[in-house]
PDB file of N, CA and C in Angstrom:
ATOM      1  N   UNK A   1    -139.950 -18.946 -82.321  1.00  0.00           N
ATOM      2  CA  UNK A   1    -140.308 -19.383 -80.726  1.00  0.00           C
ATOM      3  C   UNK A   1    -138.911 -18.417 -80.030  1.00  0.00           C
ATOM      4  N   UNK A   2    -138.319 -18.596 -80.174  1.00  0.00           N
ATOM      5  CA  UNK A   2    -137.079 -18.006 -79.330  1.00  0.00           C
ATOM      6  C   UNK A   2    -137.757 -16.184 -79.416  1.00  0.00           C
ATOM      7  N   UNK A   3    -137.846 -15.786 -79.910  1.00  0.00           N
ATOM      8  CA  UNK A   3    -138.337 -14.243 -80.103  1.00  0.00           C
ATOM      9  C   UNK A   3    -139.729 -13.800 -79.345  1.00  0.00           C
ATOM     10  N   UNK A   4    -140.469 -14.783 -79.405  1.00  0.00           N
ATOM     11  CA  UNK A   4    -141.957 -14.599 -78.550  1.00  0.00           C
ATOM     12  C   UNK A   4    -141.369 -15.152 -77.375  1.00  0.00           C
ATOM     13  N   UNK A   5    -140.220 -16.302 -77.114  1.00  0.00           N
ATOM     14  CA  UNK A   5    -139.919 -16.027 -75.340  1.00  0.00           C
ATOM     15  C   UNK A   5    -139.008 -15.784 -74.853  1.00  0.00           C
ATOM     16  N   UNK A   6    -138.425 -14.642 -75.573  1.00  0.00           N
ATOM     17  CA  UNK A   6    -137.405 -13.828 -75.183  1.00  0.00           C
ATOM     18  C   UNK A   6    -138.353 -12.172 -74.884  1.00  0.00           C
ATOM     19  N   UNK A   7    -139.369 -12.370 -75.897  1.00  0.00           N
ATOM     20  CA  UNK A   7    -139.873 -10.689 -75.903  1.00  0.00           C
ATOM     21  C   UNK A   7    -141.248 -10.647 -74.296  1.00  0.00           C
ATOM     22  N   UNK A   8    -141.762 -12.049 -74.304  1.00  0.00           N
ATOM     23  CA  UNK A   8    -143.433 -12.048 -73.530  1.00  0.00           C
ATOM     24  C   UNK A   8    -142.847 -13.126 -72.364  1.00  0.00           C
ATOM     25  N   UNK A   9    -142.339 -13.490 -71.992  1.00  0.00           N
ATOM     26  CA  UNK A   9    -141.921 -14.656 -71.061  1.00  0.00           C
ATOM     27  C   UNK A   9    -142.943 -15.041 -70.451  1.00  0.00           C
ATOM     28  N   UNK A  10    -143.594 -13.254 -69.456  1.00  0.00           N
ATOM     29  CA  UNK A  10    -144.653 -14.406 -69.043  1.00  0.00           C
ATOM     30  C   UNK A  10    -146.131 -13.670 -69.781  1.00  0.00           C
ATOM     31  N   UNK A  11    -145.972 -14.402 -71.037  1.00  0.00           N
ATOM     32  CA  UNK A  11    -147.392 -13.823 -71.771  1.00  0.00           C
ATOM     33  C   UNK A  11    -147.002 -15.970 -72.148  1.00  0.00           C
ATOM     34  N   UNK A  12    -145.913 -15.729 -72.437  1.00  0.00           N
ATOM     35  CA  UNK A  12    -146.289 -17.672 -72.965  1.00  0.00           C
ATOM     36  C   UNK A  12    -146.363 -18.940 -71.720  1.00  0.00           C
ATOM     37  N   UNK A  13    -145.987 -18.286 -70.655  1.00  0.00           N
ATOM     38  CA  UNK A  13    -146.193 -18.831 -69.220  1.00  0.00           C
ATOM     39  C   UNK A  13    -147.325 -18.484 -69.091  1.00  0.00           C
ATOM     40  N   UNK A  14    -148.291 -17.847 -68.849  1.00  0.00           N
ATOM     41  CA  UNK A  14    -149.526 -18.054 -68.574  1.00  0.00           C
ATOM     42  C   UNK A  14    -150.248 -18.534 -69.864  1.00  0.00           C
ATOM     43  N   UNK A  15    -149.531 -18.704 -71.185  1.00  0.00           N
ATOM     44  CA  UNK A  15    -150.676 -19.791 -72.007  1.00  0.00           C
ATOM     45  C   UNK A  15    -150.468 -20.860 -71.849  1.00  0.00           C
ATOM     46  N   UNK A  16    -148.955 -21.546 -71.569  1.00  0.00           N
ATOM     47  CA  UNK A  16    -148.843 -23.010 -71.298  1.00  0.00           C
ATOM     48  C   UNK A  16    -149.396 -23.096 -70.094  1.00  0.00           C
ATOM     49  N   UNK A  17    -149.714 -22.674 -68.993  1.00  0.00           N
ATOM     50  CA  UNK A  17    -150.118 -22.421 -67.958  1.00  0.00           C
ATOM     51  C   UNK A  17    -151.788 -22.748 -68.005  1.00  0.00           C
ATOM     52  N   UNK A  18    -152.617 -21.956 -68.793  1.00  0.00           N
ATOM     53  CA  UNK A  18    -153.594 -22.146 -69.551  1.00  0.00           C
ATOM     54  C   UNK A  18    -154.069 -23.335 -70.406  1.00  0.00           C
ATOM     55  N   UNK A  19    -152.884 -24.277 -71.330  1.00  0.00           N
ATOM     56  CA  UNK A  19    -153.488 -24.784 -71.724  1.00  0.00           C
ATOM     57  C   UNK A  19    -153.143 -26.255 -70.942  1.00  0.00           C
ATOM     58  N   UNK A  20    -152.145 -26.199 -69.685  1.00  0.00           N
ATOM     59  CA  UNK A  20    -152.164 -27.447 -68.778  1.00  0.00           C
ATOM     60  C   UNK A  20    -153.906 -27.588 -67.954  1.00  0.00           C
ATOM     61  N   UNK A  21    -154.299 -26.803 -67.688  1.00  0.00           N
ATOM     62  CA  UNK A  21    -155.112 -26.466 -66.972  1.00  0.00           C
ATOM     63  C   UNK A  21    -156.152 -27.152 -67.999  1.00  0.00           C
ATOM     64  N   UNK A  22    -156.343 -26.335 -68.364  1.00  0.00           N
ATOM     65  CA  UNK A  22    -157.403 -26.589 -70.087  1.00  0.00           C
ATOM     66  C   UNK A  22    -157.258 -28.075 -70.293  1.00  0.00           C
ATOM     67  N   UNK A  23    -156.460 -28.904 -70.404  1.00  0.00           N
ATOM     68  CA  UNK A  23    -156.247 -29.808 -70.851  1.00  0.00           C
ATOM     69  C   UNK A  23    -156.406 -31.322 -69.512  1.00  0.00           C
ATOM     70  N   UNK A  24    -156.031 -30.610 -68.185  1.00  0.00           N
ATOM     71  CA  UNK A  24    -156.278 -31.193 -67.311  1.00  0.00           C
ATOM     72  C   UNK A  24    -157.775 -31.391 -66.343  1.00  0.00           C
ATOM     73  N   UNK A  25    -158.715 -30.418 -67.338  1.00  0.00           N
ATOM     74  CA  UNK A  25    -160.165 -29.789 -66.789  1.00  0.00           C
ATOM     75  C   UNK A  25    -160.922 -30.894 -68.836  1.00  0.00           C
ATOM     76  N   UNK A  26    -160.070 -31.286 -69.510  1.00  0.00           N
ATOM     77  CA  UNK A  26    -160.869 -31.894 -70.116  1.00  0.00           C
ATOM     78  C   UNK A  26    -161.142 -33.547 -70.303  1.00  0.00           C
ATOM     79  N   UNK A  27    -159.651 -33.930 -69.619  1.00  0.00           N
ATOM     80  CA  UNK A  27    -159.371 -35.490 -69.134  1.00  0.00           C
ATOM     81  C   UNK A  27    -160.214 -35.851 -68.403  1.00  0.00           C
ATOM     82  N   UNK A  28    -160.336 -34.944 -66.888  1.00  0.00           N
ATOM     83  CA  UNK A  28    -161.845 -34.928 -66.216  1.00  0.00           C
ATOM     84  C   UNK A  28    -162.938 -35.342 -66.443  1.00  0.00           C
ATOM     85  N   UNK A  29    -163.023 -34.128 -67.680  1.00  0.00           N
ATOM     86  CA  UNK A  29    -164.831 -34.404 -68.205  1.00  0.00           C
ATOM     87  C   UNK A  29    -164.656 -35.247 -69.120  1.00  0.00           C
ATOM     88  N   UNK A  30    -164.214 -36.100 -69.872  1.00  0.00           N
ATOM     89  CA  UNK A  30    -164.022 -37.144 -70.272  1.00  0.00           C
ATOM     90  C   UNK A  30    -164.171 -38.501 -69.798  1.00  0.00           C
ATOM     91  N   UNK A  31    -163.548 -38.336 -68.467  1.00  0.00           N
ATOM     92  CA  UNK A  31    -163.574 -39.932 -67.350  1.00  0.00           C
ATOM     93  C   UNK A  31    -164.902 -39.477 -67.076  1.00  0.00           C
ATOM     94  N   UNK A  32    -165.043 -38.095 -66.611  1.00  0.00           N
ATOM     95  CA  UNK A  32    -166.711 -38.506 -65.716  1.00  0.00           C
ATOM     96  C   UNK A  32    -167.734 -38.840 -67.161  1.00  0.00           C
ATOM     97  N   UNK A  33    -167.832 -38.538 -68.323  1.00  0.00           N
ATOM     98  CA  UNK A  33    -168.540 -38.955 -69.359  1.00  0.00           C
ATOM     99  C   UNK A  33    -168.795 -40.460 -69.317  1.00  0.00           C
ATOM    100  N   UNK A  34    -167.575 -41.348 -69.453  1.00  0.00           N
ATOM    101  CA  UNK A  34    -167.450 -42.655 -69.686  1.00  0.00           C
ATOM    102  C   UNK A  34    -167.619 -43.096 -68.464  1.00  0.00           C
ATOM    103  N   UNK A  35    -167.077 -42.810 -67.294  1.00  0.00           N
ATOM    104  CA  UNK A  35    -167.397 -43.723 -66.111  1.00  0.00           C
ATOM    105  C   UNK A  35    -168.341 -43.791 -64.883  1.00  0.00           C
ATOM    106  N   UNK A  36    -169.363 -42.431 -65.465  1.00  0.00           N
ATOM    107  CA  UNK A  36    -170.373 -41.960 -64.198  1.00  0.00           C
ATOM    108  C   UNK A  36    -171.392 -42.937 -64.898  1.00  0.00           C
ATOM    109  N   UNK A  37    -171.840 -42.935 -66.349  1.00  0.00           N
ATOM    110  CA  UNK A  37    -173.031 -43.465 -66.615  1.00  0.00           C
ATOM    111  C   UNK A  37    -173.014 -45.276 -66.681  1.00  0.00           C
ATOM    112  N   UNK A  38    -171.885 -45.317 -66.678  1.00  0.00           N
ATOM    113  CA  UNK A  38    -172.106 -47.140 -66.038  1.00  0.00           C
ATOM    114  C   UNK A  38    -171.739 -47.397 -64.670  1.00  0.00           C
ATOM    115  N   UNK A  39    -171.705 -46.709 -63.894  1.00  0.00           N
ATOM    116  CA  UNK A  39    -171.212 -46.692 -62.448  1.00  0.00           C
ATOM    117  C   UNK A  39    -172.755 -45.830 -61.441  1.00  0.00           C
ATOM    118  N   UNK A  40    -174.189 -46.203 -62.444  1.00  0.00           N
ATOM    119  CA  UNK A  40    -174.876 -45.595 -61.183  1.00  0.00           C
ATOM    120  C   UNK A  40    -175.865 -46.424 -60.776  1.00  0.00           C
ATOM    121  N   UNK A  41    -176.016 -45.860 -59.039  1.00  0.00           N
ATOM    122  CA  UNK A  41    -176.934 -47.403 -59.173  1.00  0.00           C
ATOM    123  C   UNK A  41    -176.199 -47.900 -58.310  1.00  0.00           C
ATOM    124  N   UNK A  42    -175.204 -48.341 -58.523  1.00  0.00           N
ATOM    125  CA  UNK A  42    -173.960 -49.450 -57.574  1.00  0.00           C
ATOM    126  C   UNK A  42    -174.391 -50.109 -56.962  1.00  0.00           C
ATOM    127  N   UNK A  43    -174.423 -51.304 -56.343  1.00  0.00           N
ATOM    128  CA  UNK A  43    -174.429 -51.986 -54.946  1.00  0.00           C
ATOM    129  C   UNK A  43    -173.152 -51.398 -53.798  1.00  0.00           C
ATOM    130  N   UNK A  44    -174.187 -50.285 -53.375  1.00  0.00           N
ATOM    131  CA  UNK A  44    -173.185 -50.431 -52.310  1.00  0.00           C
ATOM    132  C   UNK A  44    -172.324 -50.884 -51.160  1.00  0.00           C
ATOM    133  N   UNK A  45    -170.777 -50.750 -51.265  1.00  0.00           N
ATOM    134  CA  UNK A  45    -169.860 -51.280 -50.454  1.00  0.00           C
ATOM    135  C   UNK A  45    -169.185 -50.561 -49.830  1.00  0.00           C
ATOM    136  N   UNK A  46    -168.384 -51.478 -49.300  1.00  0.00           N
ATOM    137  CA  UNK A  46    -167.656 -50.924 -48.112  1.00  0.00           C
ATOM    138  C   UNK A  46    -166.355 -50.119 -48.405  1.00  0.00           C
ATOM    139  N   UNK A  47    -165.580 -50.521 -49.376  1.00  0.00           N
ATOM    140  CA  UNK A  47    -164.408 -49.281 -50.006  1.00  0.00           C
ATOM    141  C   UNK A  47    -165.275 -48.535 -50.988  1.00  0.00           C
ATOM    142  N   UNK A  48    -166.737 -47.865 -50.625  1.00  0.00           N
ATOM    143  CA  UNK A  48    -166.990 -46.343 -50.962  1.00  0.00           C
ATOM    144  C   UNK A  48    -167.326 -45.632 -50.279  1.00  0.00           C
ATOM    145  N   UNK A  49    -166.937 -44.404 -50.293  1.00  0.00           N
ATOM    146  CA  UNK A  49    -166.786 -43.108 -49.772  1.00  0.00           C
ATOM    147  C   UNK A  49    -168.179 -42.262 -49.803  1.00  0.00           C
ATOM    148  N   UNK A  50    -168.784 -41.737 -48.928  1.00  0.00           N
ATOM    149  CA  UNK A  50    -170.059 -40.738 -48.595  1.00  0.00           C
ATOM    150  C   UNK A  50    -170.102 -39.902 -50.236  1.00  0.00           C
ATOM    151  N   UNK A  51    -169.308 -39.573 -50.792  1.00  0.00           N
ATOM    152  CA  UNK A  51    -169.389 -39.120 -51.859  1.00  0.00           C
ATOM    153  C   UNK A  51    -169.263 -39.847 -52.851  1.00  0.00           C
ATOM    154  N   UNK A  52    -168.841 -40.493 -53.086  1.00  0.00           N
ATOM    155  CA  UNK A  52    -168.620 -41.717 -53.991  1.00  0.00           C
ATOM    156  C   UNK A  52    -170.299 -42.398 -54.031  1.00  0.00           C
ATOM    157  N   UNK A  53    -171.020 -42.806 -53.372  1.00  0.00           N
ATOM    158  CA  UNK A  53    -171.846 -43.506 -52.978  1.00  0.00           C
ATOM    159  C   UNK A  53    -173.073 -42.031 -53.527  1.00  0.00           C
ATOM    160  N   UNK A  54    -173.100 -41.088 -53.114  1.00  0.00           N
ATOM    161  CA  UNK A  54    -173.998 -39.548 -53.562  1.00  0.00           C
ATOM    162  C   UNK A  54    -174.030 -39.612 -54.763  1.00  0.00           C
ATOM    163  N   UNK A  55    -172.836 -39.596 -55.431  1.00  0.00           N
ATOM    164  CA  UNK A  55    -172.392 -39.176 -57.172  1.00  0.00           C
ATOM    165  C   UNK A  55    -173.135 -40.709 -57.409  1.00  0.00           C
ATOM    166  N   UNK A  56    -173.207 -41.723 -57.505  1.00  0.00           N
ATOM    167  CA  UNK A  56    -173.083 -42.658 -58.311  1.00  0.00           C
ATOM    168  C   UNK A  56    -174.782 -43.046 -57.726  1.00  0.00           C
ATOM    169  N   UNK A  57    -175.629 -42.295 -56.659  1.00  0.00           N
ATOM    170  CA  UNK A  57    -177.142 -42.814 -56.813  1.00  0.00           C
ATOM    171  C   UNK A  57    -177.811 -41.134 -57.370  1.00  0.00           C
ATOM    172  N   UNK A  58    -177.081 -39.944 -57.435  1.00  0.00           N
ATOM    173  CA  UNK A  58    -177.575 -39.207 -57.553  1.00  0.00           C
ATOM    174  C   UNK A  58    -178.386 -38.306 -56.885  1.00  0.00           C
ATOM    175  N   UNK A  59    -178.148 -38.040 -55.236  1.00  0.00           N
ATOM    176  CA  UNK A  59    -178.748 -37.796 -54.423  1.00  0.00           C
ATOM    177  C   UNK A  59    -177.483 -36.762 -53.250  1.00  0.00           C
ATOM    178  N   UNK A  60    -178.204 -35.793 -52.781  1.00  0.00           N
ATOM    179  CA  UNK A  60    -177.458 -34.635 -52.061  1.00  0.00           C
ATOM    180  C   UNK A  60    -176.462 -35.825 -50.684  1.00  0.00           C
ATOM    181  N   UNK A  61    -174.824 -35.432 -50.418  1.00  0.00           N
ATOM    182  CA  UNK A  61    -174.221 -35.665 -49.784  1.00  0.00           C
ATOM    183  C   UNK A  61    -174.511 -35.507 -48.433  1.00  0.00           C
ATOM    184  N   UNK A  62    -174.990 -34.371 -48.365  1.00  0.00           N
ATOM    185  CA  UNK A  62    -174.895 -33.649 -47.147  1.00  0.00           C
ATOM    186  C   UNK A  62    -175.977 -34.557 -46.413  1.00  0.00           C
ATOM    187  N   UNK A  63    -176.988 -34.787 -46.610  1.00  0.00           N
ATOM    188  CA  UNK A  63    -178.084 -35.783 -45.798  1.00  0.00           C
ATOM    189  C   UNK A  63    -177.586 -37.143 -45.697  1.00  0.00           C
ATOM    190  N   UNK A  64    -177.072 -37.691 -46.468  1.00  0.00           N
ATOM    191  CA  UNK A  64    -176.146 -38.817 -46.347  1.00  0.00           C
ATOM    192  C   UNK A  64    -175.135 -38.904 -44.656  1.00  0.00           C
ATOM    193  N   UNK A  65    -174.279 -37.635 -44.935  1.00  0.00           N
ATOM    194  CA  UNK A  65    -173.439 -37.500 -43.918  1.00  0.00           C
ATOM    195  C   UNK A  65    -174.184 -37.417 -42.897  1.00  0.00           C
ATOM    196  N   UNK A  66    -174.905 -36.610 -42.667  1.00  0.00           N
ATOM    197  CA  UNK A  66    -175.780 -36.272 -41.609  1.00  0.00           C
ATOM    198  C   UNK A  66    -177.207 -37.859 -41.449  1.00  0.00           C
ATOM    199  N   UNK A  67    -177.371 -38.766 -41.998  1.00  0.00           N
ATOM    200  CA  UNK A  67    -178.173 -39.418 -41.643  1.00  0.00           C
ATOM    201  C   UNK A  67    -176.829 -40.532 -40.991  1.00  0.00           C
ATOM    202  N   UNK A  68    -175.329 -40.468 -41.181  1.00  0.00           N
ATOM    203  CA  UNK A  68    -174.765 -41.786 -40.509  1.00  0.00           C
ATOM    204  C   UNK A  68    -174.082 -40.704 -39.596  1.00  0.00           C
ATOM    205  N   UNK A  69    -174.460 -40.005 -39.249  1.00  0.00           N
ATOM    206  CA  UNK A  69    -173.573 -38.918 -38.118  1.00  0.00           C
ATOM    207  C   UNK A  69    -172.306 -38.306 -37.646  1.00  0.00           C
ATOM    208  N   UNK A  70    -171.800 -38.514 -39.594  1.00  0.00           N
ATOM    209  CA  UNK A  70    -170.171 -37.904 -39.283  1.00  0.00           C
ATOM    210  C   UNK A  70    -169.877 -36.716 -39.237  1.00  0.00           C
ATOM    211  N   UNK A  71    -168.801 -36.464 -38.789  1.00  0.00           N
ATOM    212  CA  UNK A  71    -168.146 -35.107 -39.324  1.00  0.00           C
ATOM    213  C   UNK A  71    -168.084 -34.359 -40.544  1.00  0.00           C
ATOM    214  N   UNK A  72    -168.980 -33.459 -40.956  1.00  0.00           N
ATOM    215  CA  UNK A  72    -168.118 -33.062 -41.813  1.00  0.00           C
ATOM    216  C   UNK A  72    -166.973 -33.011 -42.656  1.00  0.00           C
ATOM    217  N   UNK A  73    -165.861 -32.811 -41.922  1.00  0.00           N
ATOM    218  CA  UNK A  73    -164.777 -32.470 -42.091  1.00  0.00           C
ATOM    219  C   UNK A  73    -164.316 -33.868 -43.138  1.00  0.00           C
ATOM    220  N   UNK A  74    -164.655 -34.970 -42.162  1.00  0.00           N
ATOM    221  CA  UNK A  74    -163.738 -36.143 -42.300  1.00  0.00           C
ATOM    222  C   UNK A  74    -164.934 -37.015 -43.738  1.00  0.00           C
ATOM    223  N   UNK A  75    -165.938 -36.450 -43.838  1.00  0.00           N
ATOM    224  CA  UNK A  75    -166.432 -37.369 -45.529  1.00  0.00           C
ATOM    225  C   UNK A  75    -165.744 -37.822 -46.693  1.00  0.00           C
ATOM    226  N   UNK A  76    -165.025 -36.960 -47.392  1.00  0.00           N
ATOM    227  CA  UNK A  76    -163.688 -37.145 -48.131  1.00  0.00           C
ATOM    228  C   UNK A  76    -163.626 -38.402 -48.066  1.00  0.00           C
ATOM    229  N   UNK A  77    -162.670 -38.104 -47.178  1.00  0.00           N
ATOM    230  CA  UNK A  77    -161.619 -39.399 -46.636  1.00  0.00           C
ATOM    231  C   UNK A  77    -162.020 -41.103 -46.608  1.00  0.00           C
ATOM    232  N   UNK A  78    -162.958 -40.557 -45.687  1.00  0.00           N
ATOM    233  CA  UNK A  78    -163.902 -42.150 -44.923  1.00  0.00           C
ATOM    234  C   UNK A  78    -164.143 -43.260 -46.266  1.00  0.00           C
ATOM    235  N   UNK A  79    -163.719 -44.214 -46.426  1.00  0.00           N
ATOM    236  CA  UNK A  79    -164.450 -45.501 -46.679  1.00  0.00           C
ATOM    237  C   UNK A  79    -165.737 -45.844 -45.359  1.00  0.00           C
ATOM    238  N   UNK A  80    -166.852 -46.138 -46.475  1.00  0.00           N
ATOM    239  CA  UNK A  80    -167.854 -46.974 -45.488  1.00  0.00           C
ATOM    240  C   UNK A  80    -167.240 -47.793 -44.427  1.00  0.00           C
ATOM    241  N   UNK A  81    -166.329 -48.343 -44.766  1.00  0.00           N
ATOM    242  CA  UNK A  81    -165.824 -49.377 -43.731  1.00  0.00           C
ATOM    243  C   UNK A  81    -165.376 -48.770 -42.319  1.00  0.00           C
ATOM    244  N   UNK A  82    -164.528 -47.671 -42.779  1.00  0.00           N
ATOM    245  CA  UNK A  82    -163.730 -47.271 -41.670  1.00  0.00           C
ATOM    246  C   UNK A  82    -165.655 -46.570 -40.779  1.00  0.00           C
ATOM    247  N   UNK A  83    -166.077 -45.758 -41.609  1.00  0.00           N
ATOM    248  CA  UNK A  83    -167.143 -45.264 -40.421  1.00  0.00           C
ATOM    249  C   UNK A  83    -167.793 -45.585 -40.093  1.00  0.00           C
ATOM    250  N   UNK A  84    -168.142 -47.598 -40.804  1.00  0.00           N
ATOM    251  CA  UNK A  84    -168.981 -48.370 -39.606  1.00  0.00           C
ATOM    252  C   UNK A  84    -167.957 -48.697 -38.749  1.00  0.00           C
ATOM    253  N   UNK A  85    -166.749 -48.951 -38.376  1.00  0.00           N
ATOM    254  CA  UNK A  85    -166.006 -49.220 -37.787  1.00  0.00           C
ATOM    255  C   UNK A  85    -165.557 -48.467 -36.612  1.00  0.00           C
ATOM    256  N   UNK A  86    -165.642 -47.327 -37.128  1.00  0.00           N
ATOM    257  CA  UNK A  86    -165.697 -45.994 -36.179  1.00  0.00           C
ATOM    258  C   UNK A  86    -166.973 -45.942 -34.857  1.00  0.00           C
ATOM    259  N   UNK A  87    -167.719 -46.226 -36.050  1.00  0.00           N
ATOM    260  CA  UNK A  87    -169.460 -45.950 -34.919  1.00  0.00           C
ATOM    261  C   UNK A  87    -169.912 -47.386 -33.872  1.00  0.00           C
ATOM    262  N   UNK A  88    -168.701 -48.394 -33.981  1.00  0.00           N
ATOM    263  CA  UNK A  88    -168.831 -49.833 -33.874  1.00  0.00           C
ATOM    264  C   UNK A  88    -170.606 -50.340 -34.315  1.00  0.00           C
ATOM    265  N   UNK A  89    -170.710 -50.360 -35.425  1.00  0.00           N
ATOM    266  CA  UNK A  89    -171.757 -50.154 -36.473  1.00  0.00           C
ATOM    267  C   UNK A  89    -171.432 -51.531 -37.222  1.00  0.00           C
ATOM    268  N   UNK A  90    -172.268 -52.548 -37.598  1.00  0.00           N
ATOM    269  CA  UNK A  90    -172.022 -53.586 -38.662  1.00  0.00           C
ATOM    270  C   UNK A  90    -172.827 -52.687 -40.183  1.00  0.00           C
ATOM    271  N   UNK A  91    -171.836 -52.778 -41.561  1.00  0.00           N
ATOM    272  CA  UNK A  91    -171.633 -52.388 -42.351  1.00  0.00           C
ATOM    273  C   UNK A  91    -173.062 -52.134 -43.191  1.00  0.00           C
ATOM    274  N   UNK A  92    -173.904 -53.567 -43.189  1.00  0.00           N
ATOM    275  CA  UNK A  92    -174.941 -53.702 -43.588  1.00  0.00           C
ATOM    276  C   UNK A  92    -175.986 -52.344 -42.976  1.00  0.00           C
ATOM    277  N   UNK A  93    -175.522 -52.445 -41.600  1.00  0.00           N
ATOM    278  CA  UNK A  93    -176.563 -51.722 -40.690  1.00  0.00           C
ATOM    279  C   UNK A  93    -176.704 -50.459 -41.713  1.00  0.00           C
ATOM    280  N   UNK A  94    -175.369 -49.877 -41.819  1.00  0.00           N
ATOM    281  CA  UNK A  94    -174.636 -48.406 -42.079  1.00  0.00           C
ATOM    282  C   UNK A  94    -175.599 -48.749 -44.099  1.00  0.00           C
ATOM    283  N   UNK A  95    -175.242 -49.549 -44.686  1.00  0.00           N
ATOM    284  CA  UNK A  95    -176.098 -49.512 -46.225  1.00  0.00           C
ATOM    285  C   UNK A  95    -177.065 -49.430 -45.934  1.00  0.00           C
ATOM    286  N   UNK A  96    -177.846 -50.217 -44.588  1.00  0.00           N
ATOM    287  CA  UNK A  96    -179.443 -49.456 -44.900  1.00  0.00           C
ATOM    288  C   UNK A  96    -179.769 -48.411 -44.842  1.00  0.00           C
ATOM    289  N   UNK A  97    -178.883 -47.126 -43.639  1.00  0.00           N
ATOM    290  CA  UNK A  97    -178.906 -45.621 -44.026  1.00  0.00           C
ATOM    291  C   UNK A  97    -179.206 -45.375 -44.177  1.00  0.00           C
ATOM    292  N   UNK A  98    -178.529 -45.419 -45.519  1.00  0.00           N
ATOM    293  CA  UNK A  98    -178.023 -44.649 -46.709  1.00  0.00           C
ATOM    294  C   UNK A  98    -179.185 -45.235 -47.754  1.00  0.00           C
ATOM    295  N   UNK A  99    -179.711 -46.061 -47.916  1.00  0.00           N
ATOM    296  CA  UNK A  99    -180.678 -47.117 -48.725  1.00  0.00           C
ATOM    297  C   UNK A  99    -182.028 -46.112 -48.356  1.00  0.00           C
ATOM    298  N   UNK A 100    -182.384 -45.615 -46.918  1.00  0.00           N
ATOM    299  CA  UNK A 100    -183.386 -45.068 -46.227  1.00  0.00           C
ATOM    300  C   UNK A 100    -183.615 -43.609 -46.666  1.00  0.00           C
ATOM    301  N   UNK A 101    -182.116 -43.108 -46.708  1.00  0.00           N
ATOM    302  CA  UNK A 101    -181.925 -41.790 -47.288  1.00  0.00           C
ATOM    303  C   UNK A 101    -182.346 -41.361 -48.913  1.00  0.00           C
ATOM    304  N   UNK A 102    -181.520 -42.486 -49.466  1.00  0.00           N
ATOM    305  CA  UNK A 102    -181.352 -42.212 -50.796  1.00  0.00           C
ATOM    306  C   UNK A 102    -183.031 -42.362 -52.060  1.00  0.00           C
ATOM    307  N   UNK A 103    -183.513 -43.369 -50.898  1.00  0.00           N
ATOM    308  CA  UNK A 103    -184.762 -43.929 -51.065  1.00  0.00           C
ATOM    309  C   UNK A 103    -185.840 -42.711 -51.286  1.00  0.00           C
ATOM    310  N   UNK A 104    -185.582 -41.780 -49.867  1.00  0.00           N
ATOM    311  CA  UNK A 104    -186.580 -40.673 -49.202  1.00  0.00           C
ATOM    312  C   UNK A 104    -186.321 -39.503 -50.548  1.00  0.00           C
ATOM    313  N   UNK A 105    -185.201 -39.365 -50.905  1.00  0.00           N
ATOM    314  CA  UNK A 105    -184.686 -38.535 -51.691  1.00  0.00           C
ATOM    315  C   UNK A 105    -185.419 -38.247 -53.464  1.00  0.00           C
ATOM    316  N   UNK A 106    -184.893 -39.705 -53.785  1.00  0.00           N
ATOM    317  CA  UNK A 106    -185.809 -39.920 -54.769  1.00  0.00           C
ATOM    318  C   UNK A 106    -187.315 -39.886 -54.947  1.00  0.00           C
ATOM    319  N   UNK A 107    -187.684 -39.825 -53.689  1.00  0.00           N
ATOM    320  CA  UNK A 107    -189.130 -40.113 -53.542  1.00  0.00           C
ATOM    321  C   UNK A 107    -190.051 -38.482 -53.527  1.00  0.00           C
ATOM    322  N   UNK A 108    -188.617 -37.922 -52.514  1.00  0.00           N
ATOM    323  CA  UNK A 108    -189.398 -36.145 -52.816  1.00  0.00           C
ATOM    324  C   UNK A 108    -189.522 -35.669 -53.834  1.00  0.00           C
ATOM    325  N   UNK A 109    -188.346 -36.423 -54.756  1.00  0.00           N
ATOM    326  CA  UNK A 109    -188.032 -35.461 -56.001  1.00  0.00           C
ATOM    327  C   UNK A 109    -188.845 -35.839 -57.228  1.00  0.00           C
ATOM    328  N   UNK A 110    -189.122 -36.655 -57.102  1.00  0.00           N
ATOM    329  CA  UNK A 110    -190.359 -36.990 -58.229  1.00  0.00           C
ATOM    330  C   UNK A 110    -191.652 -36.826 -57.923  1.00  0.00           C
TER     331      UNK A 110
END
């Protein structure tokens, strides 16, 4: 191993970087395979983000963002409670707006 390191440092570092990246992607893949099947069509709650809702209901998140009238660059970081507070809307009204878009998208798909 010492000879390999002394003769090919860049190659060894590249291999280690590829190994770490592959491991991270594998762990993420396994987490998605285990987590998301159990969390499909979850009841919409204030702690969720628009992206989480879109993933849980398998719909286009851009259409959800458009329906809520929020800036595109903020959608990843804001919870539904934060969005409702910033728009002075009650959370149930926001939830209903999301559900309407979800129903419309699913009807268009079928």
